[in-house]
Amino acid sequence: MPLKILFIGDVVGAPGRKIVGQVVPRLIHRRGIGLVVCNAENSAGGSGITVDCHEELVEAGVDVFTLGDHAFRKDEVYRLLDRSDTLLRPANFPPSAPGANFCVVQARDNTPVGVFTVLGRTFMRPVDCPFLAADRVLSQIGDSAKVILVDFHAEATSDKQLFGRYLDGRVSAVLGTHTHVPTADEQILPRGTAYQTDVGMSGPYDSILGRRVDRVLAATLTFVHNHFDVATGDPRLCGAIIEVDQATGRALNIERLCIRQDDVQRMLTE
């Protein structure tokens, strides 16, 4: 039976954490999920991650956490990075940056799975080349895992597409995060890598990328600083489920996932 990996896109604030807690345990049971990977860099108030947020998501069933450009936004993250090998900062941060830049973990069927994340460079803070960083991490993973999932945290769709093609056949999946808007281009690339440009955010969709519309609009129209509070309406869990051949690491299927509040209520009452 193929290994099923659930990848959850940017969890935004309390609404995102809540729907993860409601849905993920049921998906693990009903869909036979063998590993859960989650981008959690916005899980604490919409920016960064804290100890409590991390523990809440672990309790929900998340096995591996990826971070992005907001990785170090909360001071508590340094405590987490010191004690967790499965909370991953981007691999193209400077070598002196705290935290692990990849991990190899055992899925529920004991398949070893490598996971890492990198940042894009277009419209993003200056970082090392994500392509060369991926090469370095893959050389470090070596033969310890055939199944490898990569979170590409980037702005430009063209960068993400090119990165997917660069790693096609060398990893099991390249899944995009950061823009918070799910794309409809899930596919298996020619050499067997599952790909989606952006899996979308898990959080409130009645919003501007997870933040209250009125706050963002007022700041845009007046240039007066507003705190961009996390919104609450229309929470959804977005991500992807990838099926992988454990022997070869090739992806067999990718399913775009979007679970709305109505779906959650049905899941909770069944």
Protein backbone atom coordinates (compact mmCIF):
# COMPACT_ATOMS: atom_id res chain seq x y z
CA MET A 1 0.00 0.00 0.00
CA PRO A 2 1.47 3.42 -0.93
CA LEU A 3 2.49 5.86 1.78
CA LYS A 4 0.05 8.76 2.13
CA ILE A 5 1.51 12.09 3.25
CA LEU A 6 -0.70 15.01 4.27
CA PHE A 7 0.88 18.41 3.73
CA ILE A 8 -0.93 21.35 5.35
CA GLY A 9 -0.45 24.87 3.97
CA ASP A 10 0.37 27.94 6.10
CA VAL A 11 -1.61 27.64 9.34
CA VAL A 12 -2.83 31.16 10.21
CA GLY A 13 -3.60 32.02 13.82
CA ALA A 14 -6.17 30.47 16.13
CA PRO A 15 -8.73 29.72 13.36
CA GLY A 16 -6.09 27.74 11.48
CA ARG A 17 -4.97 25.83 14.56
CA LYS A 18 -8.57 25.04 15.48
CA ILE A 19 -9.50 23.55 12.12
CA VAL A 20 -6.26 21.54 12.05
CA GLY A 21 -7.18 20.12 15.46
CA GLN A 22 -10.68 19.24 14.25
CA VAL A 23 -9.76 17.72 10.91
CA VAL A 24 -6.31 16.14 11.03
CA PRO A 25 -7.01 13.34 13.54
CA ARG A 26 -10.00 12.28 11.45
CA LEU A 27 -8.06 12.42 8.19
CA ILE A 28 -5.30 10.28 9.68
CA HIS A 29 -7.85 7.65 10.65
CA ARG A 30 -10.16 7.80 7.62
CA ARG A 31 -7.61 8.29 4.85
CA GLY A 32 -4.79 6.19 6.31
CA ILE A 33 -2.35 9.10 6.49
CA GLY A 34 1.17 7.91 7.30
CA LEU A 35 2.83 11.29 7.91
CA VAL A 36 1.59 14.84 8.51
CA VAL A 37 3.76 17.83 7.54
CA CYS A 38 2.60 21.36 8.30
CA ASN A 39 3.83 24.84 7.49
CA ALA A 40 3.38 26.57 10.85
CA GLU A 41 5.25 29.85 10.45
CA ASN A 42 2.05 31.90 10.84
CA SER A 43 0.39 29.80 13.54
CA ALA A 44 0.90 32.31 16.39
CA GLY A 45 -1.28 35.38 15.82
CA GLY A 46 -0.61 35.23 12.10
CA SER A 47 3.19 35.53 12.30
CA GLY A 48 5.66 33.13 13.90
CA ILE A 49 5.22 30.12 16.18
CA THR A 50 5.21 29.71 19.97
CA VAL A 51 5.64 26.76 22.31
CA ASP A 52 1.90 26.56 22.97
CA CYS A 53 1.03 26.68 19.26
CA HIS A 54 3.57 23.96 18.53
CA GLU A 55 2.17 21.73 21.27
CA GLU A 56 -1.39 22.28 20.06
CA LEU A 57 -0.47 21.19 16.53
CA VAL A 58 1.51 18.20 17.77
CA GLU A 59 -1.56 17.14 19.74
CA ALA A 60 -3.58 17.38 16.51
CA GLY A 61 -1.24 14.89 14.84
CA VAL A 62 1.36 17.00 13.03
CA ASP A 63 4.68 15.13 12.75
CA VAL A 64 6.96 17.65 11.00
CA PHE A 65 6.84 21.46 10.92
CA THR A 66 8.25 23.72 8.23
CA LEU A 67 8.89 27.44 8.65
CA GLY A 68 9.48 30.31 6.24
CA ASP A 69 10.43 33.99 6.22
CA HIS A 70 8.66 34.54 9.58
CA ALA A 71 10.55 31.67 11.21
CA PHE A 72 12.16 33.78 13.95
CA ARG A 73 9.32 36.28 14.49
CA LYS A 74 8.57 34.98 18.04
CA ASP A 75 11.38 34.70 20.60
CA GLU A 76 9.96 31.40 21.87
CA VAL A 77 10.93 29.72 18.62
CA TYR A 78 14.56 29.48 19.74
CA ARG A 79 13.55 27.22 22.63
CA LEU A 80 11.62 25.07 20.22
CA LEU A 81 14.47 24.88 17.72
CA ASP A 82 16.87 23.81 20.47
CA ARG A 83 14.75 20.84 21.51
CA SER A 84 12.99 19.76 18.30
CA ASP A 85 14.57 18.03 15.31
CA THR A 86 11.29 18.18 13.39
CA LEU A 87 10.81 21.97 13.43
CA LEU A 88 12.66 23.06 10.31
CA ARG A 89 13.93 26.51 9.38
CA PRO A 90 14.67 27.19 5.71
CA ALA A 91 17.73 25.35 4.42
CA ASN A 92 18.99 28.42 2.56
CA PHE A 93 19.22 30.54 5.70
CA PRO A 94 22.84 31.19 6.74
CA PRO A 95 24.59 28.11 8.19
CA SER A 96 24.91 29.91 11.54
CA ALA A 97 21.11 30.29 11.85
CA PRO A 98 19.62 28.21 14.68
CA GLY A 99 17.60 25.10 14.02
CA ALA A 100 17.63 22.03 11.79
CA ASN A 101 17.51 22.52 8.03
CA PHE A 102 16.14 19.04 7.29
CA CYS A 103 14.98 15.91 9.04
CA VAL A 104 14.47 12.24 8.29
CA VAL A 105 11.55 10.79 10.25
CA GLN A 106 9.73 7.48 10.36
CA ALA A 107 6.23 7.46 8.91
CA ARG A 108 3.56 5.39 10.62
CA ASP A 109 4.45 2.40 8.40
CA ASN A 110 8.16 2.88 9.35
CA THR A 111 9.11 4.35 5.96
CA PRO A 112 11.92 6.91 6.39
CA VAL A 113 10.87 10.29 4.98
CA GLY A 114 13.13 13.28 4.41
CA VAL A 115 11.63 16.77 4.74
CA PHE A 116 13.09 20.24 4.18
CA THR A 117 12.04 23.75 3.22
CA VAL A 118 13.68 26.58 1.29
CA LEU A 119 12.80 30.21 0.59
CA GLY A 120 12.44 31.74 -2.84
CA ARG A 121 14.35 34.91 -3.72
CA THR A 122 11.93 36.92 -5.90
CA PHE A 123 10.25 39.66 -3.80
CA MET A 124 11.66 38.00 -0.68
CA ARG A 125 14.45 38.82 1.77
CA PRO A 126 17.98 38.08 0.48
CA VAL A 127 18.90 34.44 1.05
CA ASP A 128 21.22 31.87 -0.45
CA CYS A 129 20.30 30.13 -3.70
CA PRO A 130 17.42 27.70 -3.04
CA PHE A 131 18.54 25.42 -5.86
CA LEU A 132 22.04 24.97 -4.47
CA ALA A 133 20.66 24.66 -0.94
CA ALA A 134 18.41 21.83 -2.12
CA ASP A 135 21.41 20.11 -3.68
CA ARG A 136 23.29 20.35 -0.37
CA VAL A 137 20.41 18.95 1.66
CA LEU A 138 19.83 16.09 -0.77
CA SER A 139 23.50 15.15 -0.52
CA GLN A 140 23.15 15.13 3.28
CA ILE A 141 20.03 12.96 3.16
CA GLY A 142 21.81 10.60 0.80
CA ASP A 143 20.52 7.04 0.98
CA SER A 144 18.78 7.50 4.33
CA ALA A 145 15.42 8.23 2.64
CA LYS A 146 13.94 7.62 -0.80
CA VAL A 147 10.74 9.48 0.06
CA ILE A 148 11.46 13.22 0.30
CA LEU A 149 9.04 16.14 0.60
CA VAL A 150 10.07 19.76 -0.03
CA ASP A 151 8.19 22.91 1.01
CA PHE A 152 9.13 25.77 -1.34
CA HIS A 153 8.15 28.96 0.46
CA ALA A 154 8.14 31.58 -2.29
CA GLU A 155 6.26 34.42 -3.96
CA ALA A 156 6.71 33.90 -7.69
CA THR A 157 4.82 31.11 -9.42
CA SER A 158 7.50 30.85 -12.08
CA ASP A 159 10.17 30.30 -9.41
CA LYS A 160 8.09 27.52 -7.90
CA GLN A 161 7.47 25.84 -11.25
CA LEU A 162 11.15 25.98 -12.13
CA PHE A 163 12.13 24.60 -8.72
CA GLY A 164 9.71 21.71 -9.17
CA ARG A 165 11.25 20.89 -12.54
CA TYR A 166 14.76 21.17 -11.08
CA LEU A 167 13.98 18.54 -8.45
CA ASP A 168 11.74 16.35 -10.61
CA GLY A 169 12.77 12.73 -10.13
CA ARG A 170 15.02 13.61 -7.17
CA VAL A 171 12.29 14.14 -4.55
CA SER A 172 8.78 12.79 -4.05
CA ALA A 173 7.00 16.14 -3.81
CA VAL A 174 7.60 19.87 -4.21
CA LEU A 175 4.74 21.82 -2.63
CA GLY A 176 4.50 25.60 -2.59
CA THR A 177 3.54 27.81 0.35
CA HIS A 178 3.66 31.52 1.32
CA THR A 179 1.13 33.16 -1.02
CA HIS A 180 -1.83 31.71 0.93
CA VAL A 181 -3.86 31.18 -2.26
CA PRO A 182 -4.33 27.57 -3.46
CA THR A 183 -3.52 26.89 -7.09
CA ALA A 184 -5.28 24.35 -9.29
CA ASP A 185 -2.16 22.90 -10.94
CA GLU A 186 -1.56 19.77 -8.86
CA GLN A 187 0.21 17.20 -11.04
CA ILE A 188 2.83 14.47 -11.23
CA LEU A 189 5.83 15.78 -13.14
CA PRO A 190 7.41 13.60 -15.86
CA ARG A 191 10.03 11.95 -13.61
CA GLY A 192 7.64 11.19 -10.76
CA THR A 193 7.58 14.25 -8.47
CA ALA A 194 4.23 15.50 -7.15
CA TYR A 195 3.88 19.25 -7.56
CA GLN A 196 1.51 22.11 -6.68
CA THR A 197 2.50 25.76 -6.97
CA ASP A 198 0.75 26.72 -3.71
CA VAL A 199 -1.35 24.50 -1.48
CA GLY A 200 -3.07 27.52 0.12
CA MET A 201 -3.40 28.56 3.73
CA SER A 202 -5.24 26.84 6.56
CA GLY A 203 -7.16 29.60 8.28
CA PRO A 204 -9.88 32.22 7.70
CA TYR A 205 -10.67 32.81 4.03
CA ASP A 206 -13.07 35.72 4.66
CA SER A 207 -9.96 37.87 4.88
CA ILE A 208 -6.97 39.32 3.08
CA LEU A 209 -4.53 36.40 3.26
CA GLY A 210 -5.80 35.62 6.75
CA ARG A 211 -6.04 39.18 8.10
CA ARG A 212 -9.15 41.29 8.74
CA VAL A 213 -10.32 43.01 5.56
CA ASP A 214 -11.19 46.31 7.29
CA ARG A 215 -7.75 46.60 8.87
CA VAL A 216 -5.86 45.95 5.64
CA LEU A 217 -8.17 48.20 3.59
CA ALA A 218 -7.87 51.11 6.04
CA ALA A 219 -4.08 50.94 5.99
CA THR A 220 -4.06 50.74 2.20
CA LEU A 221 -6.35 53.75 1.75
CA THR A 222 -4.84 56.03 4.41
CA PHE A 223 -1.22 54.88 4.88
CA VAL A 224 -1.98 55.00 8.62
CA HIS A 225 -0.52 52.00 10.42
CA ASN A 226 -3.07 49.41 11.54
CA HIS A 227 -2.49 46.16 13.35
CA PHE A 228 -3.49 43.45 10.90
CA ASP A 229 -5.52 41.24 13.24
CA VAL A 230 -6.18 37.67 12.19
CA ALA A 231 -9.67 37.28 10.72
CA THR A 232 -12.16 34.65 11.86
CA GLY A 233 -14.64 33.98 9.05
CA ASP A 234 -14.81 31.02 6.66
CA PRO A 235 -12.05 28.83 8.16
CA ARG A 236 -10.70 26.17 5.82
CA LEU A 237 -7.96 23.57 5.93
CA CYS A 238 -6.03 23.56 2.66
CA GLY A 239 -3.18 21.34 1.60
CA ALA A 240 -2.49 18.20 -0.39
CA ILE A 241 -2.41 14.45 0.07
CA ILE A 242 0.40 12.71 -1.79
CA GLU A 243 0.62 8.97 -2.38
CA VAL A 244 4.18 7.71 -2.75
CA ASP A 245 5.77 4.39 -3.68
CA GLN A 246 7.99 3.66 -0.68
CA ALA A 247 10.46 1.57 -2.71
CA THR A 248 11.22 4.18 -5.36
CA GLY A 249 10.16 7.48 -3.78
CA ARG A 250 8.09 8.27 -6.88
CA ALA A 251 4.75 9.98 -6.37
CA LEU A 252 1.74 8.03 -7.59
CA ASN A 253 -0.99 10.61 -6.94
CA ILE A 254 -1.55 14.12 -5.60
CA GLU A 255 -4.92 15.33 -4.35
CA ARG A 256 -5.63 19.00 -3.74
CA LEU A 257 -7.38 19.40 -0.40
CA CYS A 258 -9.79 22.12 0.74
CA ILE A 259 -11.98 21.34 3.75
CA ARG A 260 -14.55 24.01 4.65
CA GLN A 261 -16.47 24.52 7.88
CA ASP A 262 -19.53 22.64 6.53
CA ASP A 263 -17.28 19.66 5.82
CA VAL A 264 -15.87 19.89 9.34
CA GLN A 265 -19.35 19.80 10.89
CA ARG A 266 -20.20 16.66 8.90
CA MET A 267 -16.93 15.05 9.98
CA LEU A 268 -17.57 15.87 13.63
CA THR A 269 -21.10 14.43 13.60
CA GLU A 270 -20.46 11.25 11.59
